[in-house]
């Protein structure tokens, strides 16, 4: 939950976290 919120640029951060979480589900 933490790492995807720290790795990506601001304009992609929420999107990439959502993609990571969706793969989790």
PDBML (XML) file of the C-alpha atoms, coordinates in Angstrom:
<?xml version="1.0" encoding="UTF-8" ?>
<PDBx:datablock datablockName="MODEL"
   xmlns:PDBx="http://pdbml.pdb.org/schema/pdbx-v50.xsd"
   xmlns:xsi="http://www.w3.org/2001/XMLSchema-instance"
   xsi:schemaLocation="http://pdbml.pdb.org/schema/pdbx-v50.xsd pdbx-v50.xsd">
   <PDBx:atom_siteCategory>
      <PDBx:atom_site id="1">
         <PDBx:B_iso_or_equiv>0.00</PDBx:B_iso_or_equiv>
         <PDBx:Cartn_x>0.000</PDBx:Cartn_x>
         <PDBx:Cartn_y>0.000</PDBx:Cartn_y>
         <PDBx:Cartn_z>0.000</PDBx:Cartn_z>
         <PDBx:auth_asym_id>A</PDBx:auth_asym_id>
         <PDBx:auth_atom_id>CA</PDBx:auth_atom_id>
         <PDBx:auth_comp_id>UNK</PDBx:auth_comp_id>
         <PDBx:auth_seq_id>1</PDBx:auth_seq_id>
         <PDBx:group_PDB>ATOM</PDBx:group_PDB>
         <PDBx:label_alt_id xsi:nil="true" />
         <PDBx:label_asym_id>A</PDBx:label_asym_id>
         <PDBx:label_atom_id>CA</PDBx:label_atom_id>
         <PDBx:label_comp_id>UNK</PDBx:label_comp_id>
         <PDBx:label_entity_id>1</PDBx:label_entity_id>
         <PDBx:label_seq_id>1</PDBx:label_seq_id>
         <PDBx:occupancy>1.00</PDBx:occupancy>
         <PDBx:pdbx_PDB_model_num>1</PDBx:pdbx_PDB_model_num>
         <PDBx:type_symbol>C</PDBx:type_symbol>
      </PDBx:atom_site>
      <PDBx:atom_site id="2">
         <PDBx:B_iso_or_equiv>0.00</PDBx:B_iso_or_equiv>
         <PDBx:Cartn_x>2.895</PDBx:Cartn_x>
         <PDBx:Cartn_y>2.358</PDBx:Cartn_y>
         <PDBx:Cartn_z>0.772</PDBx:Cartn_z>
         <PDBx:auth_asym_id>A</PDBx:auth_asym_id>
         <PDBx:auth_atom_id>CA</PDBx:auth_atom_id>
         <PDBx:auth_comp_id>UNK</PDBx:auth_comp_id>
         <PDBx:auth_seq_id>2</PDBx:auth_seq_id>
         <PDBx:group_PDB>ATOM</PDBx:group_PDB>
         <PDBx:label_alt_id xsi:nil="true" />
         <PDBx:label_asym_id>A</PDBx:label_asym_id>
         <PDBx:label_atom_id>CA</PDBx:label_atom_id>
         <PDBx:label_comp_id>UNK</PDBx:label_comp_id>
         <PDBx:label_entity_id>1</PDBx:label_entity_id>
         <PDBx:label_seq_id>2</PDBx:label_seq_id>
         <PDBx:occupancy>1.00</PDBx:occupancy>
         <PDBx:pdbx_PDB_model_num>1</PDBx:pdbx_PDB_model_num>
         <PDBx:type_symbol>C</PDBx:type_symbol>
      </PDBx:atom_site>
      <PDBx:atom_site id="3">
         <PDBx:B_iso_or_equiv>0.00</PDBx:B_iso_or_equiv>
         <PDBx:Cartn_x>5.419</PDBx:Cartn_x>
         <PDBx:Cartn_y>1.887</PDBx:Cartn_y>
         <PDBx:Cartn_z>-2.046</PDBx:Cartn_z>
         <PDBx:auth_asym_id>A</PDBx:auth_asym_id>
         <PDBx:auth_atom_id>CA</PDBx:auth_atom_id>
         <PDBx:auth_comp_id>UNK</PDBx:auth_comp_id>
         <PDBx:auth_seq_id>3</PDBx:auth_seq_id>
         <PDBx:group_PDB>ATOM</PDBx:group_PDB>
         <PDBx:label_alt_id xsi:nil="true" />
         <PDBx:label_asym_id>A</PDBx:label_asym_id>
         <PDBx:label_atom_id>CA</PDBx:label_atom_id>
         <PDBx:label_comp_id>UNK</PDBx:label_comp_id>
         <PDBx:label_entity_id>1</PDBx:label_entity_id>
         <PDBx:label_seq_id>3</PDBx:label_seq_id>
         <PDBx:occupancy>1.00</PDBx:occupancy>
         <PDBx:pdbx_PDB_model_num>1</PDBx:pdbx_PDB_model_num>
         <PDBx:type_symbol>C</PDBx:type_symbol>
      </PDBx:atom_site>
      <PDBx:atom_site id="4">
         <PDBx:B_iso_or_equiv>0.00</PDBx:B_iso_or_equiv>
         <PDBx:Cartn_x>3.189</PDBx:Cartn_x>
         <PDBx:Cartn_y>2.765</PDBx:Cartn_y>
         <PDBx:Cartn_z>-5.054</PDBx:Cartn_z>
         <PDBx:auth_asym_id>A</PDBx:auth_asym_id>
         <PDBx:auth_atom_id>CA</PDBx:auth_atom_id>
         <PDBx:auth_comp_id>UNK</PDBx:auth_comp_id>
         <PDBx:auth_seq_id>4</PDBx:auth_seq_id>
         <PDBx:group_PDB>ATOM</PDBx:group_PDB>
         <PDBx:label_alt_id xsi:nil="true" />
         <PDBx:label_asym_id>A</PDBx:label_asym_id>
         <PDBx:label_atom_id>CA</PDBx:label_atom_id>
         <PDBx:label_comp_id>UNK</PDBx:label_comp_id>
         <PDBx:label_entity_id>1</PDBx:label_entity_id>
         <PDBx:label_seq_id>4</PDBx:label_seq_id>
         <PDBx:occupancy>1.00</PDBx:occupancy>
         <PDBx:pdbx_PDB_model_num>1</PDBx:pdbx_PDB_model_num>
         <PDBx:type_symbol>C</PDBx:type_symbol>
      </PDBx:atom_site>
      <PDBx:atom_site id="5">
         <PDBx:B_iso_or_equiv>0.00</PDBx:B_iso_or_equiv>
         <PDBx:Cartn_x>2.390</PDBx:Cartn_x>
         <PDBx:Cartn_y>6.102</PDBx:Cartn_y>
         <PDBx:Cartn_z>-3.380</PDBx:Cartn_z>
         <PDBx:auth_asym_id>A</PDBx:auth_asym_id>
         <PDBx:auth_atom_id>CA</PDBx:auth_atom_id>
         <PDBx:auth_comp_id>UNK</PDBx:auth_comp_id>
         <PDBx:auth_seq_id>5</PDBx:auth_seq_id>
         <PDBx:group_PDB>ATOM</PDBx:group_PDB>
         <PDBx:label_alt_id xsi:nil="true" />
         <PDBx:label_asym_id>A</PDBx:label_asym_id>
         <PDBx:label_atom_id>CA</PDBx:label_atom_id>
         <PDBx:label_comp_id>UNK</PDBx:label_comp_id>
         <PDBx:label_entity_id>1</PDBx:label_entity_id>
         <PDBx:label_seq_id>5</PDBx:label_seq_id>
         <PDBx:occupancy>1.00</PDBx:occupancy>
         <PDBx:pdbx_PDB_model_num>1</PDBx:pdbx_PDB_model_num>
         <PDBx:type_symbol>C</PDBx:type_symbol>
      </PDBx:atom_site>
      <PDBx:atom_site id="6">
         <PDBx:B_iso_or_equiv>0.00</PDBx:B_iso_or_equiv>
         <PDBx:Cartn_x>6.102</PDBx:Cartn_x>
         <PDBx:Cartn_y>6.977</PDBx:Cartn_y>
         <PDBx:Cartn_z>-3.290</PDBx:Cartn_z>
         <PDBx:auth_asym_id>A</PDBx:auth_asym_id>
         <PDBx:auth_atom_id>CA</PDBx:auth_atom_id>
         <PDBx:auth_comp_id>UNK</PDBx:auth_comp_id>
         <PDBx:auth_seq_id>6</PDBx:auth_seq_id>
         <PDBx:group_PDB>ATOM</PDBx:group_PDB>
         <PDBx:label_alt_id xsi:nil="true" />
         <PDBx:label_asym_id>A</PDBx:label_asym_id>
         <PDBx:label_atom_id>CA</PDBx:label_atom_id>
         <PDBx:label_comp_id>UNK</PDBx:label_comp_id>
         <PDBx:label_entity_id>1</PDBx:label_entity_id>
         <PDBx:label_seq_id>6</PDBx:label_seq_id>
         <PDBx:occupancy>1.00</PDBx:occupancy>
         <PDBx:pdbx_PDB_model_num>1</PDBx:pdbx_PDB_model_num>
         <PDBx:type_symbol>C</PDBx:type_symbol>
      </PDBx:atom_site>
      <PDBx:atom_site id="7">
         <PDBx:B_iso_or_equiv>0.00</PDBx:B_iso_or_equiv>
         <PDBx:Cartn_x>7.630</PDBx:Cartn_x>
         <PDBx:Cartn_y>5.850</PDBx:Cartn_y>
         <PDBx:Cartn_z>-6.585</PDBx:Cartn_z>
         <PDBx:auth_asym_id>A</PDBx:auth_asym_id>
         <PDBx:auth_atom_id>CA</PDBx:auth_atom_id>
         <PDBx:auth_comp_id>UNK</PDBx:auth_comp_id>
         <PDBx:auth_seq_id>7</PDBx:auth_seq_id>
         <PDBx:group_PDB>ATOM</PDBx:group_PDB>
         <PDBx:label_alt_id xsi:nil="true" />
         <PDBx:label_asym_id>A</PDBx:label_asym_id>
         <PDBx:label_atom_id>CA</PDBx:label_atom_id>
         <PDBx:label_comp_id>UNK</PDBx:label_comp_id>
         <PDBx:label_entity_id>1</PDBx:label_entity_id>
         <PDBx:label_seq_id>7</PDBx:label_seq_id>
         <PDBx:occupancy>1.00</PDBx:occupancy>
         <PDBx:pdbx_PDB_model_num>1</PDBx:pdbx_PDB_model_num>
         <PDBx:type_symbol>C</PDBx:type_symbol>
      </PDBx:atom_site>
      <PDBx:atom_site id="8">
         <PDBx:B_iso_or_equiv>0.00</PDBx:B_iso_or_equiv>
         <PDBx:Cartn_x>5.784</PDBx:Cartn_x>
         <PDBx:Cartn_y>7.600</PDBx:Cartn_y>
         <PDBx:Cartn_z>-9.399</PDBx:Cartn_z>
         <PDBx:auth_asym_id>A</PDBx:auth_asym_id>
         <PDBx:auth_atom_id>CA</PDBx:auth_atom_id>
         <PDBx:auth_comp_id>UNK</PDBx:auth_comp_id>
         <PDBx:auth_seq_id>8</PDBx:auth_seq_id>
         <PDBx:group_PDB>ATOM</PDBx:group_PDB>
         <PDBx:label_alt_id xsi:nil="true" />
         <PDBx:label_asym_id>A</PDBx:label_asym_id>
         <PDBx:label_atom_id>CA</PDBx:label_atom_id>
         <PDBx:label_comp_id>UNK</PDBx:label_comp_id>
         <PDBx:label_entity_id>1</PDBx:label_entity_id>
         <PDBx:label_seq_id>8</PDBx:label_seq_id>
         <PDBx:occupancy>1.00</PDBx:occupancy>
         <PDBx:pdbx_PDB_model_num>1</PDBx:pdbx_PDB_model_num>
         <PDBx:type_symbol>C</PDBx:type_symbol>
      </PDBx:atom_site>
      <PDBx:atom_site id="9">
         <PDBx:B_iso_or_equiv>0.00</PDBx:B_iso_or_equiv>
         <PDBx:Cartn_x>5.579</PDBx:Cartn_x>
         <PDBx:Cartn_y>11.199</PDBx:Cartn_y>
         <PDBx:Cartn_z>-10.716</PDBx:Cartn_z>
         <PDBx:auth_asym_id>A</PDBx:auth_asym_id>
         <PDBx:auth_atom_id>CA</PDBx:auth_atom_id>
         <PDBx:auth_comp_id>UNK</PDBx:auth_comp_id>
         <PDBx:auth_seq_id>9</PDBx:auth_seq_id>
         <PDBx:group_PDB>ATOM</PDBx:group_PDB>
         <PDBx:label_alt_id xsi:nil="true" />
         <PDBx:label_asym_id>A</PDBx:label_asym_id>
         <PDBx:label_atom_id>CA</PDBx:label_atom_id>
         <PDBx:label_comp_id>UNK</PDBx:label_comp_id>
         <PDBx:label_entity_id>1</PDBx:label_entity_id>
         <PDBx:label_seq_id>9</PDBx:label_seq_id>
         <PDBx:occupancy>1.00</PDBx:occupancy>
         <PDBx:pdbx_PDB_model_num>1</PDBx:pdbx_PDB_model_num>
         <PDBx:type_symbol>C</PDBx:type_symbol>
      </PDBx:atom_site>
      <PDBx:atom_site id="10">
         <PDBx:B_iso_or_equiv>0.00</PDBx:B_iso_or_equiv>
         <PDBx:Cartn_x>2.809</PDBx:Cartn_x>
         <PDBx:Cartn_y>13.383</PDBx:Cartn_y>
         <PDBx:Cartn_z>-9.308</PDBx:Cartn_z>
         <PDBx:auth_asym_id>A</PDBx:auth_asym_id>
         <PDBx:auth_atom_id>CA</PDBx:auth_atom_id>
         <PDBx:auth_comp_id>UNK</PDBx:auth_comp_id>
         <PDBx:auth_seq_id>10</PDBx:auth_seq_id>
         <PDBx:group_PDB>ATOM</PDBx:group_PDB>
         <PDBx:label_alt_id xsi:nil="true" />
         <PDBx:label_asym_id>A</PDBx:label_asym_id>
         <PDBx:label_atom_id>CA</PDBx:label_atom_id>
         <PDBx:label_comp_id>UNK</PDBx:label_comp_id>
         <PDBx:label_entity_id>1</PDBx:label_entity_id>
         <PDBx:label_seq_id>10</PDBx:label_seq_id>
         <PDBx:occupancy>1.00</PDBx:occupancy>
         <PDBx:pdbx_PDB_model_num>1</PDBx:pdbx_PDB_model_num>
         <PDBx:type_symbol>C</PDBx:type_symbol>
      </PDBx:atom_site>
      <PDBx:atom_site id="11">
         <PDBx:B_iso_or_equiv>0.00</PDBx:B_iso_or_equiv>
         <PDBx:Cartn_x>0.817</PDBx:Cartn_x>
         <PDBx:Cartn_y>13.344</PDBx:Cartn_y>
         <PDBx:Cartn_z>-12.560</PDBx:Cartn_z>
         <PDBx:auth_asym_id>A</PDBx:auth_asym_id>
         <PDBx:auth_atom_id>CA</PDBx:auth_atom_id>
         <PDBx:auth_comp_id>UNK</PDBx:auth_comp_id>
         <PDBx:auth_seq_id>11</PDBx:auth_seq_id>
         <PDBx:group_PDB>ATOM</PDBx:group_PDB>
         <PDBx:label_alt_id xsi:nil="true" />
         <PDBx:label_asym_id>A</PDBx:label_asym_id>
         <PDBx:label_atom_id>CA</PDBx:label_atom_id>
         <PDBx:label_comp_id>UNK</PDBx:label_comp_id>
         <PDBx:label_entity_id>1</PDBx:label_entity_id>
         <PDBx:label_seq_id>11</PDBx:label_seq_id>
         <PDBx:occupancy>1.00</PDBx:occupancy>
         <PDBx:pdbx_PDB_model_num>1</PDBx:pdbx_PDB_model_num>
         <PDBx:type_symbol>C</PDBx:type_symbol>
      </PDBx:atom_site>
      <PDBx:atom_site id="12">
         <PDBx:B_iso_or_equiv>0.00</PDBx:B_iso_or_equiv>
         <PDBx:Cartn_x>0.779</PDBx:Cartn_x>
         <PDBx:Cartn_y>9.496</PDBx:Cartn_y>
         <PDBx:Cartn_z>-12.573</PDBx:Cartn_z>
         <PDBx:auth_asym_id>A</PDBx:auth_asym_id>
         <PDBx:auth_atom_id>CA</PDBx:auth_atom_id>
         <PDBx:auth_comp_id>UNK</PDBx:auth_comp_id>
         <PDBx:auth_seq_id>12</PDBx:auth_seq_id>
         <PDBx:group_PDB>ATOM</PDBx:group_PDB>
         <PDBx:label_alt_id xsi:nil="true" />
         <PDBx:label_asym_id>A</PDBx:label_asym_id>
         <PDBx:label_atom_id>CA</PDBx:label_atom_id>
         <PDBx:label_comp_id>UNK</PDBx:label_comp_id>
         <PDBx:label_entity_id>1</PDBx:label_entity_id>
         <PDBx:label_seq_id>12</PDBx:label_seq_id>
         <PDBx:occupancy>1.00</PDBx:occupancy>
         <PDBx:pdbx_PDB_model_num>1</PDBx:pdbx_PDB_model_num>
         <PDBx:type_symbol>C</PDBx:type_symbol>
      </PDBx:atom_site>
      <PDBx:atom_site id="13">
         <PDBx:B_iso_or_equiv>0.00</PDBx:B_iso_or_equiv>
         <PDBx:Cartn_x>0.953</PDBx:Cartn_x>
         <PDBx:Cartn_y>8.707</PDBx:Cartn_y>
         <PDBx:Cartn_z>-8.852</PDBx:Cartn_z>
         <PDBx:auth_asym_id>A</PDBx:auth_asym_id>
         <PDBx:auth_atom_id>CA</PDBx:auth_atom_id>
         <PDBx:auth_comp_id>UNK</PDBx:auth_comp_id>
         <PDBx:auth_seq_id>13</PDBx:auth_seq_id>
         <PDBx:group_PDB>ATOM</PDBx:group_PDB>
         <PDBx:label_alt_id xsi:nil="true" />
         <PDBx:label_asym_id>A</PDBx:label_asym_id>
         <PDBx:label_atom_id>CA</PDBx:label_atom_id>
         <PDBx:label_comp_id>UNK</PDBx:label_comp_id>
         <PDBx:label_entity_id>1</PDBx:label_entity_id>
         <PDBx:label_seq_id>13</PDBx:label_seq_id>
         <PDBx:occupancy>1.00</PDBx:occupancy>
         <PDBx:pdbx_PDB_model_num>1</PDBx:pdbx_PDB_model_num>
         <PDBx:type_symbol>C</PDBx:type_symbol>
      </PDBx:atom_site>
      <PDBx:atom_site id="14">
         <PDBx:B_iso_or_equiv>0.00</PDBx:B_iso_or_equiv>
         <PDBx:Cartn_x>-2.721</PDBx:Cartn_x>
         <PDBx:Cartn_y>8.045</PDBx:Cartn_y>
         <PDBx:Cartn_z>-8.149</PDBx:Cartn_z>
         <PDBx:auth_asym_id>A</PDBx:auth_asym_id>
         <PDBx:auth_atom_id>CA</PDBx:auth_atom_id>
         <PDBx:auth_comp_id>UNK</PDBx:auth_comp_id>
         <PDBx:auth_seq_id>14</PDBx:auth_seq_id>
         <PDBx:group_PDB>ATOM</PDBx:group_PDB>
         <PDBx:label_alt_id xsi:nil="true" />
         <PDBx:label_asym_id>A</PDBx:label_asym_id>
         <PDBx:label_atom_id>CA</PDBx:label_atom_id>
         <PDBx:label_comp_id>UNK</PDBx:label_comp_id>
         <PDBx:label_entity_id>1</PDBx:label_entity_id>
         <PDBx:label_seq_id>14</PDBx:label_seq_id>
         <PDBx:occupancy>1.00</PDBx:occupancy>
         <PDBx:pdbx_PDB_model_num>1</PDBx:pdbx_PDB_model_num>
         <PDBx:type_symbol>C</PDBx:type_symbol>
      </PDBx:atom_site>
      <PDBx:atom_site id="15">
         <PDBx:B_iso_or_equiv>0.00</PDBx:B_iso_or_equiv>
         <PDBx:Cartn_x>-3.177</PDBx:Cartn_x>
         <PDBx:Cartn_y>6.163</PDBx:Cartn_y>
         <PDBx:Cartn_z>-11.445</PDBx:Cartn_z>
         <PDBx:auth_asym_id>A</PDBx:auth_asym_id>
         <PDBx:auth_atom_id>CA</PDBx:auth_atom_id>
         <PDBx:auth_comp_id>UNK</PDBx:auth_comp_id>
         <PDBx:auth_seq_id>15</PDBx:auth_seq_id>
         <PDBx:group_PDB>ATOM</PDBx:group_PDB>
         <PDBx:label_alt_id xsi:nil="true" />
         <PDBx:label_asym_id>A</PDBx:label_asym_id>
         <PDBx:label_atom_id>CA</PDBx:label_atom_id>
         <PDBx:label_comp_id>UNK</PDBx:label_comp_id>
         <PDBx:label_entity_id>1</PDBx:label_entity_id>
         <PDBx:label_seq_id>15</PDBx:label_seq_id>
         <PDBx:occupancy>1.00</PDBx:occupancy>
         <PDBx:pdbx_PDB_model_num>1</PDBx:pdbx_PDB_model_num>
         <PDBx:type_symbol>C</PDBx:type_symbol>
      </PDBx:atom_site>
      <PDBx:atom_site id="16">
         <PDBx:B_iso_or_equiv>0.00</PDBx:B_iso_or_equiv>
         <PDBx:Cartn_x>-0.233</PDBx:Cartn_x>
         <PDBx:Cartn_y>3.845</PDBx:Cartn_y>
         <PDBx:Cartn_z>-10.832</PDBx:Cartn_z>
         <PDBx:auth_asym_id>A</PDBx:auth_asym_id>
         <PDBx:auth_atom_id>CA</PDBx:auth_atom_id>
         <PDBx:auth_comp_id>UNK</PDBx:auth_comp_id>
         <PDBx:auth_seq_id>16</PDBx:auth_seq_id>
         <PDBx:group_PDB>ATOM</PDBx:group_PDB>
         <PDBx:label_alt_id xsi:nil="true" />
         <PDBx:label_asym_id>A</PDBx:label_asym_id>
         <PDBx:label_atom_id>CA</PDBx:label_atom_id>
         <PDBx:label_comp_id>UNK</PDBx:label_comp_id>
         <PDBx:label_entity_id>1</PDBx:label_entity_id>
         <PDBx:label_seq_id>16</PDBx:label_seq_id>
         <PDBx:occupancy>1.00</PDBx:occupancy>
         <PDBx:pdbx_PDB_model_num>1</PDBx:pdbx_PDB_model_num>
         <PDBx:type_symbol>C</PDBx:type_symbol>
      </PDBx:atom_site>
      <PDBx:atom_site id="17">
         <PDBx:B_iso_or_equiv>0.00</PDBx:B_iso_or_equiv>
         <PDBx:Cartn_x>-1.331</PDBx:Cartn_x>
         <PDBx:Cartn_y>3.173</PDBx:Cartn_y>
         <PDBx:Cartn_z>-7.257</PDBx:Cartn_z>
         <PDBx:auth_asym_id>A</PDBx:auth_asym_id>
         <PDBx:auth_atom_id>CA</PDBx:auth_atom_id>
         <PDBx:auth_comp_id>UNK</PDBx:auth_comp_id>
         <PDBx:auth_seq_id>17</PDBx:auth_seq_id>
         <PDBx:group_PDB>ATOM</PDBx:group_PDB>
         <PDBx:label_alt_id xsi:nil="true" />
         <PDBx:label_asym_id>A</PDBx:label_asym_id>
         <PDBx:label_atom_id>CA</PDBx:label_atom_id>
         <PDBx:label_comp_id>UNK</PDBx:label_comp_id>
         <PDBx:label_entity_id>1</PDBx:label_entity_id>
         <PDBx:label_seq_id>17</PDBx:label_seq_id>
         <PDBx:occupancy>1.00</PDBx:occupancy>
         <PDBx:pdbx_PDB_model_num>1</PDBx:pdbx_PDB_model_num>
         <PDBx:type_symbol>C</PDBx:type_symbol>
      </PDBx:atom_site>
      <PDBx:atom_site id="18">
         <PDBx:B_iso_or_equiv>0.00</PDBx:B_iso_or_equiv>
         <PDBx:Cartn_x>-4.794</PDBx:Cartn_x>
         <PDBx:Cartn_y>2.323</PDBx:Cartn_y>
         <PDBx:Cartn_z>-8.593</PDBx:Cartn_z>
         <PDBx:auth_asym_id>A</PDBx:auth_asym_id>
         <PDBx:auth_atom_id>CA</PDBx:auth_atom_id>
         <PDBx:auth_comp_id>UNK</PDBx:auth_comp_id>
         <PDBx:auth_seq_id>18</PDBx:auth_seq_id>
         <PDBx:group_PDB>ATOM</PDBx:group_PDB>
         <PDBx:label_alt_id xsi:nil="true" />
         <PDBx:label_asym_id>A</PDBx:label_asym_id>
         <PDBx:label_atom_id>CA</PDBx:label_atom_id>
         <PDBx:label_comp_id>UNK</PDBx:label_comp_id>
         <PDBx:label_entity_id>1</PDBx:label_entity_id>
         <PDBx:label_seq_id>18</PDBx:label_seq_id>
         <PDBx:occupancy>1.00</PDBx:occupancy>
         <PDBx:pdbx_PDB_model_num>1</PDBx:pdbx_PDB_model_num>
         <PDBx:type_symbol>C</PDBx:type_symbol>
      </PDBx:atom_site>
      <PDBx:atom_site id="19">
         <PDBx:B_iso_or_equiv>0.00</PDBx:B_iso_or_equiv>
         <PDBx:Cartn_x>-3.333</PDBx:Cartn_x>
         <PDBx:Cartn_y>-0.049</PDBx:Cartn_y>
         <PDBx:Cartn_z>-11.188</PDBx:Cartn_z>
         <PDBx:auth_asym_id>A</PDBx:auth_asym_id>
         <PDBx:auth_atom_id>CA</PDBx:auth_atom_id>
         <PDBx:auth_comp_id>UNK</PDBx:auth_comp_id>
         <PDBx:auth_seq_id>19</PDBx:auth_seq_id>
         <PDBx:group_PDB>ATOM</PDBx:group_PDB>
         <PDBx:label_alt_id xsi:nil="true" />
         <PDBx:label_asym_id>A</PDBx:label_asym_id>
         <PDBx:label_atom_id>CA</PDBx:label_atom_id>
         <PDBx:label_comp_id>UNK</PDBx:label_comp_id>
         <PDBx:label_entity_id>1</PDBx:label_entity_id>
         <PDBx:label_seq_id>19</PDBx:label_seq_id>
         <PDBx:occupancy>1.00</PDBx:occupancy>
         <PDBx:pdbx_PDB_model_num>1</PDBx:pdbx_PDB_model_num>
         <PDBx:type_symbol>C</PDBx:type_symbol>
      </PDBx:atom_site>
      <PDBx:atom_site id="20">
         <PDBx:B_iso_or_equiv>0.00</PDBx:B_iso_or_equiv>
         <PDBx:Cartn_x>-1.191</PDBx:Cartn_x>
         <PDBx:Cartn_y>-1.770</PDBx:Cartn_y>
         <PDBx:Cartn_z>-8.541</PDBx:Cartn_z>
         <PDBx:auth_asym_id>A</PDBx:auth_asym_id>
         <PDBx:auth_atom_id>CA</PDBx:auth_atom_id>
         <PDBx:auth_comp_id>UNK</PDBx:auth_comp_id>
         <PDBx:auth_seq_id>20</PDBx:auth_seq_id>
         <PDBx:group_PDB>ATOM</PDBx:group_PDB>
         <PDBx:label_alt_id xsi:nil="true" />
         <PDBx:label_asym_id>A</PDBx:label_asym_id>
         <PDBx:label_atom_id>CA</PDBx:label_atom_id>
         <PDBx:label_comp_id>UNK</PDBx:label_comp_id>
         <PDBx:label_entity_id>1</PDBx:label_entity_id>
         <PDBx:label_seq_id>20</PDBx:label_seq_id>
         <PDBx:occupancy>1.00</PDBx:occupancy>
         <PDBx:pdbx_PDB_model_num>1</PDBx:pdbx_PDB_model_num>
         <PDBx:type_symbol>C</PDBx:type_symbol>
      </PDBx:atom_site>
      <PDBx:atom_site id="21">
         <PDBx:B_iso_or_equiv>0.00</PDBx:B_iso_or_equiv>
         <PDBx:Cartn_x>-4.143</PDBx:Cartn_x>
         <PDBx:Cartn_y>-2.095</PDBx:Cartn_y>
         <PDBx:Cartn_z>-6.169</PDBx:Cartn_z>
         <PDBx:auth_asym_id>A</PDBx:auth_asym_id>
         <PDBx:auth_atom_id>CA</PDBx:auth_atom_id>
         <PDBx:auth_comp_id>UNK</PDBx:auth_comp_id>
         <PDBx:auth_seq_id>21</PDBx:auth_seq_id>
         <PDBx:group_PDB>ATOM</PDBx:group_PDB>
         <PDBx:label_alt_id xsi:nil="true" />
         <PDBx:label_asym_id>A</PDBx:label_asym_id>
         <PDBx:label_atom_id>CA</PDBx:label_atom_id>
         <PDBx:label_comp_id>UNK</PDBx:label_comp_id>
         <PDBx:label_entity_id>1</PDBx:label_entity_id>
         <PDBx:label_seq_id>21</PDBx:label_seq_id>
         <PDBx:occupancy>1.00</PDBx:occupancy>
         <PDBx:pdbx_PDB_model_num>1</PDBx:pdbx_PDB_model_num>
         <PDBx:type_symbol>C</PDBx:type_symbol>
      </PDBx:atom_site>
      <PDBx:atom_site id="22">
         <PDBx:B_iso_or_equiv>0.00</PDBx:B_iso_or_equiv>
         <PDBx:Cartn_x>-6.417</PDBx:Cartn_x>
         <PDBx:Cartn_y>-3.374</PDBx:Cartn_y>
         <PDBx:Cartn_z>-8.949</PDBx:Cartn_z>
         <PDBx:auth_asym_id>A</PDBx:auth_asym_id>
         <PDBx:auth_atom_id>CA</PDBx:auth_atom_id>
         <PDBx:auth_comp_id>UNK</PDBx:auth_comp_id>
         <PDBx:auth_seq_id>22</PDBx:auth_seq_id>
         <PDBx:group_PDB>ATOM</PDBx:group_PDB>
         <PDBx:label_alt_id xsi:nil="true" />
         <PDBx:label_asym_id>A</PDBx:label_asym_id>
         <PDBx:label_atom_id>CA</PDBx:label_atom_id>
         <PDBx:label_comp_id>UNK</PDBx:label_comp_id>
         <PDBx:label_entity_id>1</PDBx:label_entity_id>
         <PDBx:label_seq_id>22</PDBx:label_seq_id>
         <PDBx:occupancy>1.00</PDBx:occupancy>
         <PDBx:pdbx_PDB_model_num>1</PDBx:pdbx_PDB_model_num>
         <PDBx:type_symbol>C</PDBx:type_symbol>
      </PDBx:atom_site>
      <PDBx:atom_site id="23">
         <PDBx:B_iso_or_equiv>0.00</PDBx:B_iso_or_equiv>
         <PDBx:Cartn_x>-3.922</PDBx:Cartn_x>
         <PDBx:Cartn_y>-6.120</PDBx:Cartn_y>
         <PDBx:Cartn_z>-9.732</PDBx:Cartn_z>
         <PDBx:auth_asym_id>A</PDBx:auth_asym_id>
         <PDBx:auth_atom_id>CA</PDBx:auth_atom_id>
         <PDBx:auth_comp_id>UNK</PDBx:auth_comp_id>
         <PDBx:auth_seq_id>23</PDBx:auth_seq_id>
         <PDBx:group_PDB>ATOM</PDBx:group_PDB>
         <PDBx:label_alt_id xsi:nil="true" />
         <PDBx:label_asym_id>A</PDBx:label_asym_id>
         <PDBx:label_atom_id>CA</PDBx:label_atom_id>
         <PDBx:label_comp_id>UNK</PDBx:label_comp_id>
         <PDBx:label_entity_id>1</PDBx:label_entity_id>
         <PDBx:label_seq_id>23</PDBx:label_seq_id>
         <PDBx:occupancy>1.00</PDBx:occupancy>
         <PDBx:pdbx_PDB_model_num>1</PDBx:pdbx_PDB_model_num>
         <PDBx:type_symbol>C</PDBx:type_symbol>
      </PDBx:atom_site>
      <PDBx:atom_site id="24">
         <PDBx:B_iso_or_equiv>0.00</PDBx:B_iso_or_equiv>
         <PDBx:Cartn_x>-3.987</PDBx:Cartn_x>
         <PDBx:Cartn_y>-6.977</PDBx:Cartn_y>
         <PDBx:Cartn_z>-6.049</PDBx:Cartn_z>
         <PDBx:auth_asym_id>A</PDBx:auth_asym_id>
         <PDBx:auth_atom_id>CA</PDBx:auth_atom_id>
         <PDBx:auth_comp_id>UNK</PDBx:auth_comp_id>
         <PDBx:auth_seq_id>24</PDBx:auth_seq_id>
         <PDBx:group_PDB>ATOM</PDBx:group_PDB>
         <PDBx:label_alt_id xsi:nil="true" />
         <PDBx:label_asym_id>A</PDBx:label_asym_id>
         <PDBx:label_atom_id>CA</PDBx:label_atom_id>
         <PDBx:label_comp_id>UNK</PDBx:label_comp_id>
         <PDBx:label_entity_id>1</PDBx:label_entity_id>
         <PDBx:label_seq_id>24</PDBx:label_seq_id>
         <PDBx:occupancy>1.00</PDBx:occupancy>
         <PDBx:pdbx_PDB_model_num>1</PDBx:pdbx_PDB_model_num>
         <PDBx:type_symbol>C</PDBx:type_symbol>
      </PDBx:atom_site>
      <PDBx:atom_site id="25">
         <PDBx:B_iso_or_equiv>0.00</PDBx:B_iso_or_equiv>
         <PDBx:Cartn_x>-7.749</PDBx:Cartn_x>
         <PDBx:Cartn_y>-7.404</PDBx:Cartn_y>
         <PDBx:Cartn_z>-6.095</PDBx:Cartn_z>
         <PDBx:auth_asym_id>A</PDBx:auth_asym_id>
         <PDBx:auth_atom_id>CA</PDBx:auth_atom_id>
         <PDBx:auth_comp_id>UNK</PDBx:auth_comp_id>
         <PDBx:auth_seq_id>25</PDBx:auth_seq_id>
         <PDBx:group_PDB>ATOM</PDBx:group_PDB>
         <PDBx:label_alt_id xsi:nil="true" />
         <PDBx:label_asym_id>A</PDBx:label_asym_id>
         <PDBx:label_atom_id>CA</PDBx:label_atom_id>
         <PDBx:label_comp_id>UNK</PDBx:label_comp_id>
         <PDBx:label_entity_id>1</PDBx:label_entity_id>
         <PDBx:label_seq_id>25</PDBx:label_seq_id>
         <PDBx:occupancy>1.00</PDBx:occupancy>
         <PDBx:pdbx_PDB_model_num>1</PDBx:pdbx_PDB_model_num>
         <PDBx:type_symbol>C</PDBx:type_symbol>
      </PDBx:atom_site>
   </PDBx:atom_siteCategory>
</PDBx:datablock>
